């Protein structure tokens, strides 16, 4: 390998992730982890389950009051979570 053909480790990892279609799954995992840091410990304590399916974030909450409150902030939460990851991963949030 010539010096001008040299690639950084980060570039190689990014290329492999894209080739193996793992970049989306990695970003989905980052988005789910961002939920707790973005909304704090109190909301995290009421969150019982989080998962993404077909671009929709499903959030299971143990508090109906919190569910109603977060439903009103749905668009803002989507924007902030997507920005945290750096690209649009989710197109909707469903609270249950």
PDB file of N, CA and C in Angstrom:
ATOM      1  N   UNK A   1       0.846  -1.172   0.000  1.00  0.00           N
ATOM      2  CA  UNK A   1       0.000   0.000   0.000  1.00  0.00           C
ATOM      3  C   UNK A   1       0.890   1.233   0.000  1.00  0.00           C
ATOM      4  N   UNK A   2       0.639   2.100  -0.939  1.00  0.00           N
ATOM      5  CA  UNK A   2       1.403   3.333  -1.017  1.00  0.00           C
ATOM      6  C   UNK A   2       0.912   4.304   0.036  1.00  0.00           C
ATOM      7  N   UNK A   3       1.786   5.241   0.366  1.00  0.00           N
ATOM      8  CA  UNK A   3       1.444   6.211   1.398  1.00  0.00           C
ATOM      9  C   UNK A   3       0.197   7.023   1.025  1.00  0.00           C
ATOM     10  N   UNK A   4       0.027   7.408  -0.256  1.00  0.00           N
ATOM     11  CA  UNK A   4      -1.137   8.206  -0.634  1.00  0.00           C
ATOM     12  C   UNK A   4      -2.427   7.389  -0.594  1.00  0.00           C
ATOM     13  N   UNK A   5      -2.335   6.052  -0.580  1.00  0.00           N
ATOM     14  CA  UNK A   5      -3.507   5.195  -0.497  1.00  0.00           C
ATOM     15  C   UNK A   5      -3.894   4.885   0.950  1.00  0.00           C
ATOM     16  N   UNK A   6      -3.136   5.382   1.884  1.00  0.00           N
ATOM     17  CA  UNK A   6      -3.385   5.092   3.296  1.00  0.00           C
ATOM     18  C   UNK A   6      -4.720   5.683   3.741  1.00  0.00           C
ATOM     19  N   UNK A   7      -5.435   4.908   4.552  1.00  0.00           N
ATOM     20  CA  UNK A   7      -6.712   5.349   5.107  1.00  0.00           C
ATOM     21  C   UNK A   7      -6.638   5.277   6.623  1.00  0.00           C
ATOM     22  N   UNK A   8      -7.381   6.147   7.255  1.00  0.00           N
ATOM     23  CA  UNK A   8      -7.415   6.095   8.715  1.00  0.00           C
ATOM     24  C   UNK A   8      -8.281   4.914   9.154  1.00  0.00           C
ATOM     25  N   UNK A   9      -8.073   4.478  10.371  1.00  0.00           N
ATOM     26  CA  UNK A   9      -8.863   3.382  10.931  1.00  0.00           C
ATOM     27  C   UNK A   9     -10.349   3.753  10.914  1.00  0.00           C
ATOM     28  N   UNK A  10     -10.661   5.008  11.258  1.00  0.00           N
ATOM     29  CA  UNK A  10     -12.053   5.466  11.275  1.00  0.00           C
ATOM     30  C   UNK A  10     -12.717   5.340   9.920  1.00  0.00           C
ATOM     31  N   UNK A  11     -11.999   5.701   8.850  1.00  0.00           N
ATOM     32  CA  UNK A  11     -12.543   5.588   7.494  1.00  0.00           C
ATOM     33  C   UNK A  11     -12.810   4.132   7.130  1.00  0.00           C
ATOM     34  N   UNK A  12     -11.902   3.269   7.513  1.00  0.00           N
ATOM     35  CA  UNK A  12     -12.058   1.841   7.222  1.00  0.00           C
ATOM     36  C   UNK A  12     -13.264   1.272   7.968  1.00  0.00           C
ATOM     37  N   UNK A  13     -13.392   1.623   9.242  1.00  0.00           N
ATOM     38  CA  UNK A  13     -14.522   1.136  10.035  1.00  0.00           C
ATOM     39  C   UNK A  13     -15.837   1.648   9.461  1.00  0.00           C
ATOM     40  N   UNK A  14     -15.898   2.939   9.107  1.00  0.00           N
ATOM     41  CA  UNK A  14     -17.115   3.496   8.504  1.00  0.00           C
ATOM     42  C   UNK A  14     -17.488   2.770   7.219  1.00  0.00           C
ATOM     43  N   UNK A  15     -16.497   2.489   6.381  1.00  0.00           N
ATOM     44  CA  UNK A  15     -16.760   1.806   5.117  1.00  0.00           C
ATOM     45  C   UNK A  15     -17.298   0.393   5.360  1.00  0.00           C
ATOM     46  N   UNK A  16     -16.690  -0.329   6.292  1.00  0.00           N
ATOM     47  CA  UNK A  16     -17.129  -1.695   6.592  1.00  0.00           C
ATOM     48  C   UNK A  16     -18.548  -1.690   7.161  1.00  0.00           C
ATOM     49  N   UNK A  17     -18.839  -0.749   8.059  1.00  0.00           N
ATOM     50  CA  UNK A  17     -20.188  -0.663   8.628  1.00  0.00           C
ATOM     51  C   UNK A  17     -21.227  -0.418   7.544  1.00  0.00           C
ATOM     52  N   UNK A  18     -20.930   0.472   6.609  1.00  0.00           N
ATOM     53  CA  UNK A  18     -21.867   0.760   5.522  1.00  0.00           C
ATOM     54  C   UNK A  18     -22.025  -0.439   4.594  1.00  0.00           C
ATOM     55  N   UNK A  19     -20.916  -1.098   4.283  1.00  0.00           N
ATOM     56  CA  UNK A  19     -20.973  -2.260   3.396  1.00  0.00           C
ATOM     57  C   UNK A  19     -21.794  -3.390   4.005  1.00  0.00           C
ATOM     58  N   UNK A  20     -21.712  -3.548   5.309  1.00  0.00           N
ATOM     59  CA  UNK A  20     -22.426  -4.626   5.997  1.00  0.00           C
ATOM     60  C   UNK A  20     -23.808  -4.190   6.495  1.00  0.00           C
ATOM     61  N   UNK A  21     -24.215  -2.960   6.139  1.00  0.00           N
ATOM     62  CA  UNK A  21     -25.502  -2.394   6.574  1.00  0.00           C
ATOM     63  C   UNK A  21     -25.650  -2.369   8.093  1.00  0.00           C
ATOM     64  N   UNK A  22     -24.555  -2.137   8.779  1.00  0.00           N
ATOM     65  CA  UNK A  22     -24.575  -2.059  10.234  1.00  0.00           C
ATOM     66  C   UNK A  22     -24.633  -0.623  10.733  1.00  0.00           C
ATOM     67  N   UNK A  23     -24.432   0.346   9.844  1.00  0.00           N
ATOM     68  CA  UNK A  23     -24.413   1.743  10.276  1.00  0.00           C
ATOM     69  C   UNK A  23     -25.774   2.187  10.803  1.00  0.00           C
ATOM     70  N   UNK A  24     -26.862   1.718  10.210  1.00  0.00           N
ATOM     71  CA  UNK A  24     -28.195   2.079  10.686  1.00  0.00           C
ATOM     72  C   UNK A  24     -28.444   1.504  12.075  1.00  0.00           C
ATOM     73  N   UNK A  25     -28.100   0.237  12.278  1.00  0.00           N
ATOM     74  CA  UNK A  25     -28.295  -0.397  13.586  1.00  0.00           C
ATOM     75  C   UNK A  25     -27.468   0.307  14.662  1.00  0.00           C
ATOM     76  N   UNK A  26     -26.259   0.695  14.320  1.00  0.00           N
ATOM     77  CA  UNK A  26     -25.404   1.405  15.265  1.00  0.00           C
ATOM     78  C   UNK A  26     -26.024   2.749  15.632  1.00  0.00           C
ATOM     79  N   UNK A  27     -26.534   3.477  14.645  1.00  0.00           N
ATOM     80  CA  UNK A  27     -27.178   4.761  14.912  1.00  0.00           C
ATOM     81  C   UNK A  27     -28.471   4.588  15.708  1.00  0.00           C
ATOM     82  N   UNK A  28     -29.212   3.516  15.461  1.00  0.00           N
ATOM     83  CA  UNK A  28     -30.421   3.244  16.246  1.00  0.00           C
ATOM     84  C   UNK A  28     -30.057   3.009  17.711  1.00  0.00           C
ATOM     85  N   UNK A  29     -28.982   2.276  17.954  1.00  0.00           N
ATOM     86  CA  UNK A  29     -28.522   2.031  19.321  1.00  0.00           C
ATOM     87  C   UNK A  29     -28.095   3.334  19.982  1.00  0.00           C
ATOM     88  N   UNK A  30     -27.402   4.181  19.250  1.00  0.00           N
ATOM     89  CA  UNK A  30     -26.996   5.485  19.790  1.00  0.00           C
ATOM     90  C   UNK A  30     -28.216   6.331  20.137  1.00  0.00           C
ATOM     91  N   UNK A  31     -29.232   6.300  19.285  1.00  0.00           N
ATOM     92  CA  UNK A  31     -30.443   7.081  19.530  1.00  0.00           C
ATOM     93  C   UNK A  31     -31.154   6.593  20.792  1.00  0.00           C
ATOM     94  N   UNK A  32     -31.248   5.303  20.968  1.00  0.00           N
ATOM     95  CA  UNK A  32     -31.893   4.752  22.162  1.00  0.00           C
ATOM     96  C   UNK A  32     -31.116   5.147  23.414  1.00  0.00           C
ATOM     97  N   UNK A  33     -29.797   5.112  23.354  1.00  0.00           N
ATOM     98  CA  UNK A  33     -28.985   5.543  24.499  1.00  0.00           C
ATOM     99  C   UNK A  33     -29.140   7.032  24.760  1.00  0.00           C
ATOM    100  N   UNK A  34     -29.370   7.808  23.706  1.00  0.00           N
ATOM    101  CA  UNK A  34     -29.540   9.256  23.854  1.00  0.00           C
ATOM    102  C   UNK A  34     -30.829   9.595  24.594  1.00  0.00           C
ATOM    103  N   UNK A  35     -31.814   8.701  24.576  1.00  0.00           N
ATOM    104  CA  UNK A  35     -33.087   8.953  25.257  1.00  0.00           C
ATOM    105  C   UNK A  35     -32.850   9.297  26.730  1.00  0.00           C
ATOM    106  N   UNK A  36     -32.074   8.471  27.422  1.00  0.00           N
ATOM    107  CA  UNK A  36     -31.831   8.684  28.848  1.00  0.00           C
ATOM    108  C   UNK A  36     -31.045   9.958  29.114  1.00  0.00           C
ATOM    109  N   UNK A  37     -30.032  10.218  28.316  1.00  0.00           N
ATOM    110  CA  UNK A  37     -29.226  11.416  28.552  1.00  0.00           C
ATOM    111  C   UNK A  37     -29.996  12.685  28.196  1.00  0.00           C
ATOM    112  N   UNK A  38     -30.832  12.625  27.183  1.00  0.00           N
ATOM    113  CA  UNK A  38     -31.591  13.797  26.751  1.00  0.00           C
ATOM    114  C   UNK A  38     -32.732  14.125  27.719  1.00  0.00           C
ATOM    115  N   UNK A  39     -33.412  13.101  28.212  1.00  0.00           N
ATOM    116  CA  UNK A  39     -34.591  13.330  29.050  1.00  0.00           C
ATOM    117  C   UNK A  39     -34.323  13.219  30.546  1.00  0.00           C
ATOM    118  N   UNK A  40     -33.168  12.726  30.921  1.00  0.00           N
ATOM    119  CA  UNK A  40     -32.810  12.693  32.335  1.00  0.00           C
ATOM    120  C   UNK A  40     -33.225  11.424  33.058  1.00  0.00           C
ATOM    121  N   UNK A  41     -32.737  11.324  34.288  1.00  0.00           N
ATOM    122  CA  UNK A  41     -32.943  10.120  35.092  1.00  0.00           C
ATOM    123  C   UNK A  41     -34.403   9.899  35.474  1.00  0.00           C
ATOM    124  N   UNK A  42     -35.123  10.992  35.739  1.00  0.00           N
ATOM    125  CA  UNK A  42     -36.508  10.836  36.180  1.00  0.00           C
ATOM    126  C   UNK A  42     -37.380  10.211  35.093  1.00  0.00           C
ATOM    127  N   UNK A  43     -37.269  10.710  33.863  1.00  0.00           N
ATOM    128  CA  UNK A  43     -38.039  10.124  32.757  1.00  0.00           C
ATOM    129  C   UNK A  43     -37.540   8.708  32.486  1.00  0.00           C
ATOM    130  N   UNK A  44     -36.235   8.510  32.560  1.00  0.00           N
ATOM    131  CA  UNK A  44     -35.660   7.180  32.335  1.00  0.00           C
ATOM    132  C   UNK A  44     -36.204   6.163  33.338  1.00  0.00           C
ATOM    133  N   UNK A  45     -36.462   6.604  34.562  1.00  0.00           N
ATOM    134  CA  UNK A  45     -36.974   5.674  35.572  1.00  0.00           C
ATOM    135  C   UNK A  45     -38.405   5.209  35.260  1.00  0.00           C
ATOM    136  N   UNK A  46     -39.159   5.993  34.498  1.00  0.00           N
ATOM    137  CA  UNK A  46     -40.514   5.611  34.092  1.00  0.00           C
ATOM    138  C   UNK A  46     -40.541   4.900  32.737  1.00  0.00           C
ATOM    139  N   UNK A  47     -39.421   4.873  32.048  1.00  0.00           N
ATOM    140  CA  UNK A  47     -39.336   4.218  30.745  1.00  0.00           C
ATOM    141  C   UNK A  47     -39.074   2.734  30.965  1.00  0.00           C
ATOM    142  N   UNK A  48     -39.997   1.897  30.511  1.00  0.00           N
ATOM    143  CA  UNK A  48     -39.844   0.459  30.731  1.00  0.00           C
ATOM    144  C   UNK A  48     -39.270  -0.269  29.519  1.00  0.00           C
ATOM    145  N   UNK A  49     -39.495   0.281  28.320  1.00  0.00           N
ATOM    146  CA  UNK A  49     -39.004  -0.383  27.110  1.00  0.00           C
ATOM    147  C   UNK A  49     -38.862   0.640  25.991  1.00  0.00           C
ATOM    148  N   UNK A  50     -37.775   0.529  25.228  1.00  0.00           N
ATOM    149  CA  UNK A  50     -37.501   1.389  24.074  1.00  0.00           C
ATOM    150  C   UNK A  50     -37.025   0.514  22.930  1.00  0.00           C
ATOM    151  N   UNK A  51     -37.611   0.706  21.752  1.00  0.00           N
ATOM    152  CA  UNK A  51     -37.089   0.021  20.572  1.00  0.00           C
ATOM    153  C   UNK A  51     -37.518   0.771  19.320  1.00  0.00           C
ATOM    154  N   UNK A  52     -36.786   0.531  18.237  1.00  0.00           N
ATOM    155  CA  UNK A  52     -37.069   1.175  16.959  1.00  0.00           C
ATOM    156  C   UNK A  52     -37.449   0.095  15.962  1.00  0.00           C
ATOM    157  N   UNK A  53     -38.550   0.344  15.258  1.00  0.00           N
ATOM    158  CA  UNK A  53     -39.002  -0.588  14.228  1.00  0.00           C
ATOM    159  C   UNK A  53     -39.512   0.220  13.040  1.00  0.00           C
ATOM    160  N   UNK A  54     -38.904   0.012  11.887  1.00  0.00           N
ATOM    161  CA  UNK A  54     -39.275   0.704  10.642  1.00  0.00           C
ATOM    162  C   UNK A  54     -39.309   2.223  10.799  1.00  0.00           C
ATOM    163  N   UNK A  55     -38.316   2.764  11.486  1.00  0.00           N
ATOM    164  CA  UNK A  55     -38.207   4.211  11.630  1.00  0.00           C
ATOM    165  C   UNK A  55     -39.096   4.819  12.698  1.00  0.00           C
ATOM    166  N   UNK A  56     -39.755   3.988  13.488  1.00  0.00           N
ATOM    167  CA  UNK A  56     -40.630   4.474  14.557  1.00  0.00           C
ATOM    168  C   UNK A  56     -40.026   4.073  15.897  1.00  0.00           C
ATOM    169  N   UNK A  57     -39.880   5.063  16.793  1.00  0.00           N
ATOM    170  CA  UNK A  57     -39.401   4.798  18.147  1.00  0.00           C
ATOM    171  C   UNK A  57     -40.604   4.484  19.023  1.00  0.00           C
ATOM    172  N   UNK A  58     -40.619   3.294  19.605  1.00  0.00           N
ATOM    173  CA  UNK A  58     -41.678   2.893  20.521  1.00  0.00           C
ATOM    174  C   UNK A  58     -41.158   3.072  21.941  1.00  0.00           C
ATOM    175  N   UNK A  59     -41.906   3.842  22.733  1.00  0.00           N
ATOM    176  CA  UNK A  59     -41.511   4.145  24.105  1.00  0.00           C
ATOM    177  C   UNK A  59     -42.614   3.646  25.033  1.00  0.00           C
ATOM    178  N   UNK A  60     -42.287   2.675  25.869  1.00  0.00           N
ATOM    179  CA  UNK A  60     -43.239   2.169  26.850  1.00  0.00           C
ATOM    180  C   UNK A  60     -42.955   2.876  28.173  1.00  0.00           C
ATOM    181  N   UNK A  61     -43.989   3.494  28.729  1.00  0.00           N
ATOM    182  CA  UNK A  61     -43.853   4.258  29.967  1.00  0.00           C
ATOM    183  C   UNK A  61     -44.801   3.705  31.025  1.00  0.00           C
ATOM    184  N   UNK A  62     -44.371   3.758  32.275  1.00  0.00           N
ATOM    185  CA  UNK A  62     -45.213   3.270  33.369  1.00  0.00           C
ATOM    186  C   UNK A  62     -46.107   4.368  33.945  1.00  0.00           C
ATOM    187  N   UNK A  63     -46.010   5.582  33.439  1.00  0.00           N
ATOM    188  CA  UNK A  63     -46.814   6.705  33.926  1.00  0.00           C
ATOM    189  C   UNK A  63     -47.672   7.273  32.797  1.00  0.00           C
ATOM    190  N   UNK A  64     -48.989   7.238  32.984  1.00  0.00           N
ATOM    191  CA  UNK A  64     -49.889   7.781  31.963  1.00  0.00           C
ATOM    192  C   UNK A  64     -49.782   9.302  31.873  1.00  0.00           C
ATOM    193  N   UNK A  65     -49.495   9.954  32.989  1.00  0.00           N
ATOM    194  CA  UNK A  65     -49.333  11.410  32.988  1.00  0.00           C
ATOM    195  C   UNK A  65     -48.111  11.795  32.159  1.00  0.00           C
ATOM    196  N   UNK A  66     -47.011  11.105  32.374  1.00  0.00           N
ATOM    197  CA  UNK A  66     -45.790  11.365  31.611  1.00  0.00           C
ATOM    198  C   UNK A  66     -46.009  11.046  30.133  1.00  0.00           C
ATOM    199  N   UNK A  67     -46.745   9.987  29.850  1.00  0.00           N
ATOM    200  CA  UNK A  67     -47.057   9.613  28.466  1.00  0.00           C
ATOM    201  C   UNK A  67     -47.783  10.759  27.756  1.00  0.00           C
ATOM    202  N   UNK A  68     -48.756  11.346  28.412  1.00  0.00           N
ATOM    203  CA  UNK A  68     -49.497  12.475  27.832  1.00  0.00           C
ATOM    204  C   UNK A  68     -48.598  13.689  27.646  1.00  0.00           C
ATOM    205  N   UNK A  69     -47.775  13.967  28.634  1.00  0.00           N
ATOM    206  CA  UNK A  69     -46.865  15.116  28.574  1.00  0.00           C
ATOM    207  C   UNK A  69     -45.870  14.976  27.419  1.00  0.00           C
ATOM    208  N   UNK A  70     -45.282  13.806  27.289  1.00  0.00           N
ATOM    209  CA  UNK A  70     -44.300  13.590  26.225  1.00  0.00           C
ATOM    210  C   UNK A  70     -44.955  13.563  24.845  1.00  0.00           C
ATOM    211  N   UNK A  71     -46.191  13.110  24.777  1.00  0.00           N
ATOM    212  CA  UNK A  71     -46.902  13.102  23.490  1.00  0.00           C
ATOM    213  C   UNK A  71     -47.030  14.503  22.914  1.00  0.00           C
ATOM    214  N   UNK A  72     -47.186  15.476  23.790  1.00  0.00           N
ATOM    215  CA  UNK A  72     -47.305  16.863  23.327  1.00  0.00           C
ATOM    216  C   UNK A  72     -45.975  17.407  22.803  1.00  0.00           C
ATOM    217  N   UNK A  73     -44.876  16.778  23.199  1.00  0.00           N
ATOM    218  CA  UNK A  73     -43.535  17.220  22.782  1.00  0.00           C
ATOM    219  C   UNK A  73     -42.936  16.302  21.719  1.00  0.00           C
ATOM    220  N   UNK A  74     -43.754  15.470  21.100  1.00  0.00           N
ATOM    221  CA  UNK A  74     -43.287  14.436  20.170  1.00  0.00           C
ATOM    222  C   UNK A  74     -42.343  14.977  19.089  1.00  0.00           C
ATOM    223  N   UNK A  75     -42.739  16.032  18.388  1.00  0.00           N
ATOM    224  CA  UNK A  75     -41.918  16.547  17.283  1.00  0.00           C
ATOM    225  C   UNK A  75     -40.582  17.100  17.768  1.00  0.00           C
ATOM    226  N   UNK A  76     -40.608  17.818  18.892  1.00  0.00           N
ATOM    227  CA  UNK A  76     -39.374  18.346  19.447  1.00  0.00           C
ATOM    228  C   UNK A  76     -38.429  17.206  19.855  1.00  0.00           C
ATOM    229  N   UNK A  77     -38.976  16.171  20.472  1.00  0.00           N
ATOM    230  CA  UNK A  77     -38.161  15.027  20.883  1.00  0.00           C
ATOM    231  C   UNK A  77     -37.549  14.316  19.680  1.00  0.00           C
ATOM    232  N   UNK A  78     -38.346  14.134  18.621  1.00  0.00           N
ATOM    233  CA  UNK A  78     -37.821  13.499  17.398  1.00  0.00           C
ATOM    234  C   UNK A  78     -36.654  14.296  16.840  1.00  0.00           C
ATOM    235  N   UNK A  79     -36.825  15.610  16.751  1.00  0.00           N
ATOM    236  CA  UNK A  79     -35.758  16.465  16.222  1.00  0.00           C
ATOM    237  C   UNK A  79     -34.494  16.359  17.056  1.00  0.00           C
ATOM    238  N   UNK A  80     -34.640  16.440  18.371  1.00  0.00           N
ATOM    239  CA  UNK A  80     -33.466  16.395  19.255  1.00  0.00           C
ATOM    240  C   UNK A  80     -32.767  15.041  19.220  1.00  0.00           C
ATOM    241  N   UNK A  81     -33.543  13.980  19.200  1.00  0.00           N
ATOM    242  CA  UNK A  81     -32.937  12.644  19.154  1.00  0.00           C
ATOM    243  C   UNK A  81     -32.212  12.417  17.832  1.00  0.00           C
ATOM    244  N   UNK A  82     -32.828  12.810  16.728  1.00  0.00           N
ATOM    245  CA  UNK A  82     -32.175  12.662  15.425  1.00  0.00           C
ATOM    246  C   UNK A  82     -30.911  13.517  15.345  1.00  0.00           C
ATOM    247  N   UNK A  83     -30.958  14.726  15.893  1.00  0.00           N
ATOM    248  CA  UNK A  83     -29.769  15.592  15.891  1.00  0.00           C
ATOM    249  C   UNK A  83     -28.649  14.993  16.726  1.00  0.00           C
ATOM    250  N   UNK A  84     -29.009  14.339  17.810  1.00  0.00           N
ATOM    251  CA  UNK A  84     -28.015  13.710  18.685  1.00  0.00           C
ATOM    252  C   UNK A  84     -27.209  12.655  17.917  1.00  0.00           C
ATOM    253  N   UNK A  85     -27.870  11.960  17.002  1.00  0.00           N
ATOM    254  CA  UNK A  85     -27.220  10.913  16.212  1.00  0.00           C
ATOM    255  C   UNK A  85     -26.543  11.489  14.968  1.00  0.00           C
ATOM    256  N   UNK A  86     -27.068  12.600  14.474  1.00  0.00           N
ATOM    257  CA  UNK A  86     -26.450  13.233  13.317  1.00  0.00           C
ATOM    258  C   UNK A  86     -27.147  12.976  11.996  1.00  0.00           C
ATOM    259  N   UNK A  87     -28.238  12.237  12.023  1.00  0.00           N
ATOM    260  CA  UNK A  87     -29.039  12.011  10.817  1.00  0.00           C
ATOM    261  C   UNK A  87     -30.424  11.542  11.229  1.00  0.00           C
ATOM    262  N   UNK A  88     -31.359  11.554  10.280  1.00  0.00           N
ATOM    263  CA  UNK A  88     -32.723  11.155  10.601  1.00  0.00           C
ATOM    264  C   UNK A  88     -32.822   9.637  10.677  1.00  0.00           C
ATOM    265  N   UNK A  89     -33.099   9.168  11.875  1.00  0.00           N
ATOM    266  CA  UNK A  89     -33.266   7.741  12.126  1.00  0.00           C
ATOM    267  C   UNK A  89     -34.742   7.427  12.343  1.00  0.00           C
ATOM    268  N   UNK A  90     -35.418   8.293  13.107  1.00  0.00           N
ATOM    269  CA  UNK A  90     -36.830   8.051  13.397  1.00  0.00           C
ATOM    270  C   UNK A  90     -37.704   9.107  12.726  1.00  0.00           C
ATOM    271  N   UNK A  91     -38.889   8.670  12.314  1.00  0.00           N
ATOM    272  CA  UNK A  91     -39.857   9.575  11.687  1.00  0.00           C
ATOM    273  C   UNK A  91     -41.096   9.754  12.553  1.00  0.00           C
ATOM    274  N   UNK A  92     -41.191   8.972  13.630  1.00  0.00           N
ATOM    275  CA  UNK A  92     -42.334   9.074  14.534  1.00  0.00           C
ATOM    276  C   UNK A  92     -41.958   8.471  15.881  1.00  0.00           C
ATOM    277  N   UNK A  93     -42.679   8.890  16.914  1.00  0.00           N
ATOM    278  CA  UNK A  93     -42.538   8.298  18.245  1.00  0.00           C
ATOM    279  C   UNK A  93     -43.931   7.881  18.691  1.00  0.00           C
ATOM    280  N   UNK A  94     -44.044   6.648  19.155  1.00  0.00           N
ATOM    281  CA  UNK A  94     -45.308   6.153  19.692  1.00  0.00           C
ATOM    282  C   UNK A  94     -45.092   5.844  21.168  1.00  0.00           C
ATOM    283  N   UNK A  95     -45.915   6.475  21.993  1.00  0.00           N
ATOM    284  CA  UNK A  95     -45.836   6.269  23.440  1.00  0.00           C
ATOM    285  C   UNK A  95     -46.912   5.277  23.851  1.00  0.00           C
ATOM    286  N   UNK A  96     -46.514   4.295  24.635  1.00  0.00           N
ATOM    287  CA  UNK A  96     -47.454   3.269  25.117  1.00  0.00           C
ATOM    288  C   UNK A  96     -47.337   3.134  26.613  1.00  0.00           C
TER     289      UNK A  96
END
